[in-house]
Amino acid sequence: MGILISAMPDIVKPKPREEEITIPGRNGVLTIDEGTYEGYTLSVTCGTRGVKKLGEIAAWLNGHGNLILSTEPDKVYWARVSNAISISDVIYLYNSFLVQFKVFPFKYSVGAVNSHADDVTLTTASTINNKGTVYSQPTITVYGTGDIALTINDTNYGLTSVDEFITIDSEMMEVYKGTTNANNKYSAMDFPRFEVGENRISWTGNVTKIEIDPKWRWL
């Protein structure tokens, strides 16, 4: 698009969602950590020479998608353009503007997003290693029939009346088979997650294989 980058954003660590409660008679505050994180904004200072493509550039800088920065070429952000683009003349035929991206609090592997390079297929109980810096919320597809109990790190996730396969999407908090909702076949208090480091996976029931998109991510 002929855009020149004059300033890249700082690397930002997302803010944890925490609630502070004051208890009468107790010093300080009680901090409750939800285990989730706030999104944040990355600002990129840009410019372009000439005026011919200004309208096209302004229209292009819209919507949402994957954002890769040259300062972190192996990571991808989920981002959307969040500001109104204001273009101003700084010097003759050079126009500067600020683009602000509202980003999801985690970064993902470029290779995994583009080619599913981190996907894992299991046919027996196994241990997989979360190579990110924060827990992940995987997509797990279980192939088999009947009632199945999936166990991850000693927590059980029940599946009933499985017919060929069923998918658990932890990030979306949904269970489905293809395009058909299957939440009524899932029984657990929470959705599976992989902690940083080793994660043990096993199951009971008639299972032929389990396919995992682990969605490793970084703060």
Protein backbone atom coordinates (compact mmCIF):
# COMPACT_ATOMS: atom_id res chain seq x y z
CA MET A 1 0.00 0.00 0.00
CA GLY A 2 3.05 2.28 0.01
CA ILE A 3 2.73 3.04 3.73
CA LEU A 4 5.91 4.01 5.57
CA ILE A 5 6.31 3.05 9.24
CA SER A 6 8.00 5.76 11.32
CA ALA A 7 7.39 4.32 14.82
CA MET A 8 6.54 0.77 15.95
CA PRO A 9 4.55 0.10 19.13
CA ASP A 10 6.07 -0.90 22.44
CA ILE A 11 5.78 -4.52 23.55
CA VAL A 12 2.87 -4.61 26.01
CA LYS A 13 2.11 -7.14 28.73
CA PRO A 14 -1.68 -7.49 29.13
CA LYS A 15 -3.28 -6.42 32.39
CA PRO A 16 -4.84 -9.23 34.48
CA ARG A 17 -8.50 -8.80 35.38
CA GLU A 18 -8.46 -8.38 39.14
CA GLU A 19 -10.96 -7.17 41.70
CA GLU A 20 -9.84 -5.42 44.87
CA ILE A 21 -12.09 -5.78 47.93
CA THR A 22 -11.66 -3.80 51.13
CA ILE A 23 -12.48 -5.81 54.26
CA PRO A 24 -13.23 -3.82 57.43
CA GLY A 25 -10.60 -4.44 60.10
CA ARG A 26 -8.12 -5.95 57.64
CA ASN A 27 -5.02 -4.14 56.40
CA GLY A 28 -4.68 -3.56 52.69
CA VAL A 29 -7.11 -5.09 50.20
CA LEU A 30 -8.10 -8.60 49.14
CA THR A 31 -7.24 -9.14 45.48
CA ILE A 32 -9.29 -11.63 43.48
CA ASP A 33 -7.60 -12.74 40.24
CA GLU A 34 -10.12 -13.91 37.60
CA GLY A 35 -7.38 -15.66 35.58
CA THR A 36 -8.28 -13.60 32.51
CA TYR A 37 -6.66 -10.59 30.85
CA GLU A 38 -7.68 -7.25 29.38
CA GLY A 39 -7.20 -6.40 25.71
CA TYR A 40 -4.98 -3.43 24.93
CA THR A 41 -4.04 -0.98 22.19
CA LEU A 42 -0.96 -1.00 19.94
CA SER A 43 -0.23 2.28 18.14
CA VAL A 44 1.73 2.45 14.88
CA THR A 45 2.87 5.82 13.49
CA CYS A 46 2.66 5.79 9.71
CA GLY A 47 3.09 8.04 6.72
CA THR A 48 2.75 8.06 2.95
CA ARG A 49 4.19 10.14 0.14
CA GLY A 50 1.78 11.92 -2.16
CA VAL A 51 -2.00 12.12 -2.02
CA LYS A 52 -3.16 9.75 -4.78
CA LYS A 53 -3.83 6.73 -2.53
CA LEU A 54 -5.01 8.47 0.66
CA GLY A 55 -8.65 7.49 0.14
CA GLU A 56 -7.72 3.90 -0.69
CA ILE A 57 -5.45 3.65 2.37
CA ALA A 58 -8.12 5.09 4.68
CA ALA A 59 -10.63 2.51 3.38
CA TRP A 60 -8.10 -0.33 3.72
CA LEU A 61 -7.30 0.49 7.36
CA ASN A 62 -10.60 -0.87 8.60
CA GLY A 63 -12.02 -4.02 10.18
CA HIS A 64 -10.19 -6.85 11.90
CA GLY A 65 -7.81 -9.73 11.22
CA ASN A 66 -4.35 -11.07 11.96
CA LEU A 67 -1.62 -8.54 12.77
CA ILE A 68 2.08 -9.40 12.45
CA LEU A 69 4.72 -6.85 13.47
CA SER A 70 8.25 -6.85 12.10
CA THR A 71 9.53 -6.55 15.67
CA GLU A 72 7.95 -9.96 16.47
CA PRO A 73 7.80 -11.77 13.11
CA ASP A 74 7.07 -15.20 14.64
CA LYS A 75 3.94 -14.03 16.54
CA VAL A 76 0.48 -13.00 15.39
CA TYR A 77 -2.07 -10.81 17.17
CA TRP A 78 -5.84 -10.90 16.73
CA ALA A 79 -6.55 -7.23 16.10
CA ARG A 80 -8.97 -4.64 14.77
CA VAL A 81 -8.42 -1.03 13.77
CA SER A 82 -9.99 0.94 16.61
CA ASN A 83 -9.42 4.61 15.78
CA ALA A 84 -10.59 7.11 13.21
CA ILE A 85 -7.68 7.64 10.80
CA SER A 86 -6.76 11.33 10.70
CA ILE A 87 -4.25 12.22 8.00
CA SER A 88 -2.32 15.47 8.31
CA ASP A 89 0.29 17.18 6.15
CA VAL A 90 3.64 17.35 7.93
CA ILE A 91 5.91 18.37 5.11
CA TYR A 92 5.32 18.78 1.42
CA LEU A 93 3.85 15.60 -0.11
CA TYR A 94 4.39 13.56 3.07
CA ASN A 95 1.30 12.72 5.13
CA SER A 96 1.44 11.23 8.62
CA PHE A 97 -1.23 9.32 10.54
CA LEU A 98 -1.62 7.08 13.57
CA VAL A 99 -3.14 3.60 13.37
CA GLN A 100 -4.36 2.10 16.64
CA PHE A 101 -4.99 -1.63 16.85
CA LYS A 102 -7.16 -3.02 19.64
CA VAL A 103 -5.65 -6.46 20.22
CA PHE A 104 -6.71 -9.64 21.97
CA PRO A 105 -4.52 -10.04 25.08
CA PHE A 106 -2.50 -12.99 23.72
CA LYS A 107 -0.04 -13.56 20.89
CA TYR A 108 -0.11 -16.79 18.87
CA SER A 109 2.47 -18.63 16.77
CA VAL A 110 2.50 -17.50 13.13
CA GLY A 111 3.36 -21.02 11.98
CA ALA A 112 0.54 -22.59 13.95
CA VAL A 113 -2.06 -20.11 12.66
CA ASN A 114 -0.98 -20.46 9.02
CA SER A 115 -0.29 -24.19 8.83
CA HIS A 116 -1.52 -25.78 12.10
CA ALA A 117 2.11 -26.74 12.75
CA ASP A 118 1.43 -27.37 16.45
CA ASP A 119 -1.55 -29.72 15.96
CA VAL A 120 -1.29 -33.04 17.80
CA THR A 121 -2.97 -36.41 17.09
CA LEU A 122 -3.16 -38.94 19.95
CA THR A 123 -4.10 -42.61 19.83
CA THR A 124 -2.90 -43.47 23.33
CA ALA A 125 -2.66 -41.59 26.62
CA SER A 126 0.12 -39.05 26.44
CA THR A 127 1.70 -35.90 27.86
CA ILE A 128 2.02 -32.73 25.79
CA ASN A 129 4.01 -29.63 26.67
CA ASN A 130 2.59 -26.12 26.57
CA LYS A 131 5.47 -24.09 25.14
CA GLY A 132 3.71 -20.75 25.60
CA THR A 133 3.84 -18.41 28.60
CA VAL A 134 0.17 -18.65 29.62
CA TYR A 135 -2.52 -21.34 29.73
CA SER A 136 -4.08 -22.20 26.37
CA GLN A 137 -7.70 -22.91 25.42
CA PRO A 138 -7.49 -25.71 22.85
CA THR A 139 -9.87 -27.10 20.26
CA ILE A 140 -10.14 -30.87 20.82
CA THR A 141 -11.87 -33.29 18.44
CA VAL A 142 -12.60 -36.73 19.87
CA TYR A 143 -13.23 -39.57 17.40
CA GLY A 144 -15.19 -42.52 18.76
CA THR A 145 -18.64 -43.72 19.76
CA GLY A 146 -20.77 -43.87 22.88
CA ASP A 147 -20.01 -42.36 26.28
CA ILE A 148 -16.45 -41.05 26.66
CA ALA A 149 -14.59 -39.45 29.57
CA LEU A 150 -11.66 -37.24 28.57
CA THR A 151 -9.18 -36.55 31.37
CA ILE A 152 -6.72 -33.65 31.33
CA ASN A 153 -4.51 -33.12 34.38
CA ASP A 154 -6.86 -35.16 36.62
CA THR A 155 -9.97 -33.20 35.53
CA ASN A 156 -12.70 -35.18 33.76
CA TYR A 157 -14.72 -33.90 30.80
CA GLY A 158 -17.68 -36.13 29.97
CA LEU A 159 -19.09 -36.74 26.49
CA THR A 160 -22.29 -38.71 25.97
CA SER A 161 -23.63 -40.59 22.94
CA VAL A 162 -20.74 -39.60 20.65
CA ASP A 163 -21.46 -40.52 17.02
CA GLU A 164 -18.23 -40.67 14.96
CA PHE A 165 -16.71 -37.50 16.43
CA ILE A 166 -17.35 -34.45 18.57
CA THR A 167 -15.41 -31.17 18.96
CA ILE A 168 -14.79 -29.20 22.15
CA ASP A 169 -13.85 -25.58 21.46
CA SER A 170 -12.56 -24.18 24.74
CA GLU A 171 -11.94 -20.67 23.44
CA MET A 172 -15.50 -20.31 22.13
CA MET A 173 -16.90 -22.42 25.00
CA GLU A 174 -18.90 -24.52 22.55
CA VAL A 175 -19.28 -28.22 21.71
CA TYR A 176 -20.34 -29.27 18.23
CA LYS A 177 -20.23 -31.90 15.48
CA GLY A 178 -19.49 -30.16 12.21
CA THR A 179 -22.07 -27.38 12.06
CA THR A 180 -24.43 -29.00 14.59
CA ASN A 181 -24.48 -27.79 18.20
CA ALA A 182 -23.73 -30.57 20.69
CA ASN A 183 -23.53 -28.72 24.01
CA ASN A 184 -26.10 -31.14 25.46
CA LYS A 185 -23.58 -33.97 25.06
CA TYR A 186 -20.95 -32.27 27.21
CA SER A 187 -20.80 -32.52 31.00
CA ALA A 188 -18.16 -30.58 32.94
CA MET A 189 -17.97 -27.46 35.07
CA ASP A 190 -15.39 -25.82 32.79
CA PHE A 191 -13.74 -26.28 29.41
CA PRO A 192 -10.33 -27.93 28.95
CA ARG A 193 -7.19 -25.84 29.20
CA PHE A 194 -3.49 -26.63 28.99
CA GLU A 195 -1.32 -25.12 31.70
CA VAL A 196 2.23 -23.96 31.01
CA GLY A 197 4.51 -27.01 31.00
CA GLU A 198 3.42 -30.65 30.94
CA ASN A 199 -0.23 -31.68 30.54
CA ARG A 200 -1.40 -35.27 30.94
CA ILE A 201 -4.15 -36.51 28.62
CA SER A 202 -6.03 -39.81 28.87
CA TRP A 203 -9.55 -41.14 28.32
CA THR A 204 -11.97 -43.98 28.85
CA GLY A 205 -14.50 -45.28 26.37
CA ASN A 206 -14.41 -46.23 22.70
CA VAL A 207 -11.96 -43.70 21.25
CA THR A 208 -10.03 -44.19 18.00
CA LYS A 209 -8.05 -40.93 18.09
CA ILE A 210 -8.02 -37.40 19.44
CA GLU A 211 -6.97 -34.39 17.37
CA ILE A 212 -5.83 -31.27 19.24
CA ASP A 213 -5.27 -27.72 18.06
CA PRO A 214 -3.49 -26.57 21.26
CA LYS A 215 -3.44 -22.83 20.45
CA TRP A 216 -0.25 -22.11 22.39
CA ARG A 217 -0.05 -18.44 23.22
CA TRP A 218 2.19 -15.82 24.79
CA LEU A 219 1.66 -12.75 26.96
